[in-house]
Amino acid sequence: MSLKIRIDDSAPPYEQVRAQISEQARSGALPVGYRLPTVRGLAESLGLAVNTVAKAYRALEGDGVIETRGRNGTFVAAAGSAAEREASSAAQAYAERVRRLGLGRDEALAAVRDALRAAYGQD
């Protein structure tokens, strides 16, 4: 596992850790079942506070990218299917909500495009 934290980056360090681990898990560079370093160990190797890495791990676990097995450690989960299921569920909830709000399909899609542009950067 290779992570690079840039202090001058606009993204906070915990988000850099989260994004890099997530990307490596999704690309297969970190295979399903790969045991991640402990929070303390990774924090030490990156020169970060323990709470910073813990926050990244909590976010990754919430996203279904990693799973903690108590004293056995933290492992890369089968993130693809879990992430897709969560995205599908969120999309369904969004579709139901905008319909209740009275928005048309074009307005709902425009809102999604704007949100994706904000999250991923300009097209």
C-alpha atoms as a PDB file:
ATOM      1  CA  MET A   1       0.000   0.000   0.000  1.00  0.00           C
ATOM      2  CA  SER A   2       1.361   3.363  -1.000  1.00  0.00           C
ATOM      3  CA  LEU A   3      -0.104   6.640   0.229  1.00  0.00           C
ATOM      4  CA  LYS A   4       1.171  10.166  -0.276  1.00  0.00           C
ATOM      5  CA  ILE A   5      -0.185  12.999   1.825  1.00  0.00           C
ATOM      6  CA  ARG A   6       0.364  16.533   0.580  1.00  0.00           C
ATOM      7  CA  ILE A   7      -0.021  19.158   3.271  1.00  0.00           C
ATOM      8  CA  ASP A   8      -0.325  21.913   0.645  1.00  0.00           C
ATOM      9  CA  ASP A   9      -3.245  20.072  -1.005  1.00  0.00           C
ATOM     10  CA  SER A  10      -6.656  21.678  -0.575  1.00  0.00           C
ATOM     11  CA  ALA A  11      -8.109  18.358   0.629  1.00  0.00           C
ATOM     12  CA  PRO A  12      -7.657  17.669   4.341  1.00  0.00           C
ATOM     13  CA  PRO A  13      -5.247  14.824   5.212  1.00  0.00           C
ATOM     14  CA  TYR A  14      -7.998  12.426   6.375  1.00  0.00           C
ATOM     15  CA  GLU A  15      -9.781  12.901   3.013  1.00  0.00           C
ATOM     16  CA  GLN A  16      -6.543  12.219   1.146  1.00  0.00           C
ATOM     17  CA  VAL A  17      -6.094   8.972   3.102  1.00  0.00           C
ATOM     18  CA  ARG A  18      -9.742   8.003   2.522  1.00  0.00           C
ATOM     19  CA  ALA A  19      -9.649   8.780  -1.202  1.00  0.00           C
ATOM     20  CA  GLN A  20      -6.358   6.986  -1.840  1.00  0.00           C
ATOM     21  CA  ILE A  21      -7.327   3.816   0.025  1.00  0.00           C
ATOM     22  CA  SER A  22     -10.731   3.829  -1.653  1.00  0.00           C
ATOM     23  CA  GLU A  23      -9.204   4.205  -5.119  1.00  0.00           C
ATOM     24  CA  GLN A  24      -6.603   1.498  -4.482  1.00  0.00           C
ATOM     25  CA  ALA A  25      -9.320  -0.872  -3.240  1.00  0.00           C
ATOM     26  CA  ARG A  26     -11.568  -0.185  -6.237  1.00  0.00           C
ATOM     27  CA  SER A  27      -8.719  -0.559  -8.741  1.00  0.00           C
ATOM     28  CA  GLY A  28      -7.602  -3.859  -7.206  1.00  0.00           C
ATOM     29  CA  ALA A  29      -4.223  -2.509  -6.096  1.00  0.00           C
ATOM     30  CA  LEU A  30      -5.467  -3.413  -2.608  1.00  0.00           C
ATOM     31  CA  PRO A  31      -7.219  -6.757  -3.107  1.00  0.00           C
ATOM     32  CA  VAL A  32     -10.282  -7.874  -1.182  1.00  0.00           C
ATOM     33  CA  GLY A  33      -9.102  -9.313   2.126  1.00  0.00           C
ATOM     34  CA  TYR A  34      -5.900  -7.243   2.247  1.00  0.00           C
ATOM     35  CA  ARG A  35      -5.082  -6.420   5.849  1.00  0.00           C
ATOM     36  CA  LEU A  36      -4.574  -2.693   6.353  1.00  0.00           C
ATOM     37  CA  PRO A  37      -2.103  -1.284   8.853  1.00  0.00           C
ATOM     38  CA  THR A  38      -3.418  -0.394  12.275  1.00  0.00           C
ATOM     39  CA  VAL A  39      -4.639   3.163  12.712  1.00  0.00           C
ATOM     40  CA  ARG A  40      -1.664   3.914  14.915  1.00  0.00           C
ATOM     41  CA  GLY A  41       0.792   2.257  12.523  1.00  0.00           C
ATOM     42  CA  LEU A  42      -0.485   4.098   9.460  1.00  0.00           C
ATOM     43  CA  ALA A  43      -0.595   7.407  11.323  1.00  0.00           C
ATOM     44  CA  GLU A  44       3.011   6.956  12.378  1.00  0.00           C
ATOM     45  CA  SER A  45       4.212   6.023   8.888  1.00  0.00           C
ATOM     46  CA  LEU A  46       2.435   9.018   7.320  1.00  0.00           C
ATOM     47  CA  GLY A  47       3.341  11.482  10.072  1.00  0.00           C
ATOM     48  CA  LEU A  48      -0.327  12.146  10.870  1.00  0.00           C
ATOM     49  CA  ALA A  49      -2.324  12.248  14.070  1.00  0.00           C
ATOM     50  CA  VAL A  50      -3.981   8.981  15.057  1.00  0.00           C
ATOM     51  CA  ASN A  51      -7.399  10.680  15.025  1.00  0.00           C
ATOM     52  CA  THR A  52      -6.853  11.755  11.401  1.00  0.00           C
ATOM     53  CA  VAL A  53      -6.333   8.175  10.232  1.00  0.00           C
ATOM     54  CA  ALA A  54      -9.138   6.930  12.491  1.00  0.00           C
ATOM     55  CA  LYS A  55     -11.513   9.422  10.840  1.00  0.00           C
ATOM     56  CA  ALA A  56     -10.485   8.156   7.381  1.00  0.00           C
ATOM     57  CA  TYR A  57     -10.976   4.518   8.436  1.00  0.00           C
ATOM     58  CA  ARG A  58     -14.447   5.327   9.862  1.00  0.00           C
ATOM     59  CA  ALA A  59     -15.436   6.982   6.585  1.00  0.00           C
ATOM     60  CA  LEU A  60     -14.094   4.038   4.582  1.00  0.00           C
ATOM     61  CA  GLU A  61     -15.980   1.593   6.773  1.00  0.00           C
ATOM     62  CA  GLY A  62     -19.152   3.643   6.358  1.00  0.00           C
ATOM     63  CA  ASP A  63     -18.644   3.517   2.575  1.00  0.00           C
ATOM     64  CA  GLY A  64     -18.248  -0.265   2.696  1.00  0.00           C
ATOM     65  CA  VAL A  65     -14.666  -0.125   1.406  1.00  0.00           C
ATOM     66  CA  ILE A  66     -13.096  -1.649   4.519  1.00  0.00           C
ATOM     67  CA  GLU A  67     -14.323  -3.747   7.406  1.00  0.00           C
ATOM     68  CA  THR A  68     -12.991  -3.979  10.925  1.00  0.00           C
ATOM     69  CA  ARG A  69     -12.925  -7.408  12.504  1.00  0.00           C
ATOM     70  CA  GLY A  70     -12.246  -6.376  16.066  1.00  0.00           C
ATOM     71  CA  ARG A  71      -8.847  -7.489  17.324  1.00  0.00           C
ATOM     72  CA  ASN A  72      -8.191  -9.322  14.046  1.00  0.00           C
ATOM     73  CA  GLY A  73      -7.656  -6.053  12.206  1.00  0.00           C
ATOM     74  CA  THR A  74      -9.032  -4.006   9.363  1.00  0.00           C
ATOM     75  CA  PHE A  75      -9.410  -5.469   5.891  1.00  0.00           C
ATOM     76  CA  VAL A  76     -10.396  -4.372   2.399  1.00  0.00           C
ATOM     77  CA  ALA A  77     -14.008  -5.420   1.869  1.00  0.00           C
ATOM     78  CA  ALA A  78     -15.722  -6.445  -1.343  1.00  0.00           C
ATOM     79  CA  ALA A  79     -16.382  -2.753  -1.909  1.00  0.00           C
ATOM     80  CA  GLY A  80     -17.616  -2.761  -5.468  1.00  0.00           C
ATOM     81  CA  SER A  81     -20.901  -4.504  -4.836  1.00  0.00           C
ATOM     82  CA  ALA A  82     -21.513  -2.790  -1.480  1.00  0.00           C
ATOM     83  CA  ALA A  83     -20.796   0.626  -2.975  1.00  0.00           C
ATOM     84  CA  GLU A  84     -23.060  -0.076  -5.943  1.00  0.00           C
ATOM     85  CA  ARG A  85     -25.900  -1.222  -3.667  1.00  0.00           C
ATOM     86  CA  GLU A  86     -25.548   1.890  -1.517  1.00  0.00           C
ATOM     87  CA  ALA A  87     -25.450   4.153  -4.586  1.00  0.00           C
ATOM     88  CA  SER A  88     -28.549   2.470  -5.990  1.00  0.00           C
ATOM     89  CA  SER A  89     -30.376   2.899  -2.700  1.00  0.00           C
ATOM     90  CA  ALA A  90     -29.387   6.570  -2.502  1.00  0.00           C
ATOM     91  CA  ALA A  91     -30.498   7.129  -6.097  1.00  0.00           C
ATOM     92  CA  GLN A  92     -33.865   5.519  -5.400  1.00  0.00           C
ATOM     93  CA  ALA A  93     -34.377   7.676  -2.317  1.00  0.00           C
ATOM     94  CA  TYR A  94     -33.421  10.776  -4.329  1.00  0.00           C
ATOM     95  CA  ALA A  95     -35.832   9.911  -7.153  1.00  0.00           C
ATOM     96  CA  GLU A  96     -38.689   9.428  -4.699  1.00  0.00           C
ATOM     97  CA  ARG A  97     -37.868  12.664  -2.873  1.00  0.00           C
ATOM     98  CA  VAL A  98     -37.692  14.891  -5.969  1.00  0.00           C
ATOM     99  CA  ARG A  99     -40.943  13.408  -7.268  1.00  0.00           C
ATOM    100  CA  ARG A 100     -42.642  14.271  -3.956  1.00  0.00           C
ATOM    101  CA  LEU A 101     -41.196  17.782  -4.254  1.00  0.00           C
ATOM    102  CA  GLY A 102     -42.861  18.109  -7.640  1.00  0.00           C
ATOM    103  CA  LEU A 103     -39.695  18.375  -9.737  1.00  0.00           C
ATOM    104  CA  GLY A 104     -39.762  17.079 -13.278  1.00  0.00           C
ATOM    105  CA  ARG A 105     -37.300  14.566 -14.661  1.00  0.00           C
ATOM    106  CA  ASP A 106     -35.171  17.221 -16.408  1.00  0.00           C
ATOM    107  CA  GLU A 107     -34.924  19.334 -13.241  1.00  0.00           C
ATOM    108  CA  ALA A 108     -34.018  16.285 -11.165  1.00  0.00           C
ATOM    109  CA  LEU A 109     -31.306  15.243 -13.633  1.00  0.00           C
ATOM    110  CA  ALA A 110     -29.928  18.791 -13.751  1.00  0.00           C
ATOM    111  CA  ALA A 111     -29.620  18.785  -9.953  1.00  0.00           C
ATOM    112  CA  VAL A 112     -27.743  15.467 -10.086  1.00  0.00           C
ATOM    113  CA  ARG A 113     -25.391  16.746 -12.794  1.00  0.00           C
ATOM    114  CA  ASP A 114     -24.649  19.857 -10.729  1.00  0.00           C
ATOM    115  CA  ALA A 115     -23.962  17.756  -7.629  1.00  0.00           C
ATOM    116  CA  LEU A 116     -21.675  15.390  -9.548  1.00  0.00           C
ATOM    117  CA  ARG A 117     -19.783  18.315 -11.079  1.00  0.00           C
ATOM    118  CA  ALA A 118     -19.274  19.752  -7.603  1.00  0.00           C
ATOM    119  CA  ALA A 119     -18.121  16.412  -6.195  1.00  0.00           C
ATOM    120  CA  TYR A 120     -15.879  15.302  -9.079  1.00  0.00           C
ATOM    121  CA  GLY A 121     -14.848  18.617 -10.602  1.00  0.00           C
ATOM    122  CA  GLN A 122     -15.809  20.175 -13.907  1.00  0.00           C
ATOM    123  CA  ASP A 123     -16.392  17.927 -16.932  1.00  0.00           C
END
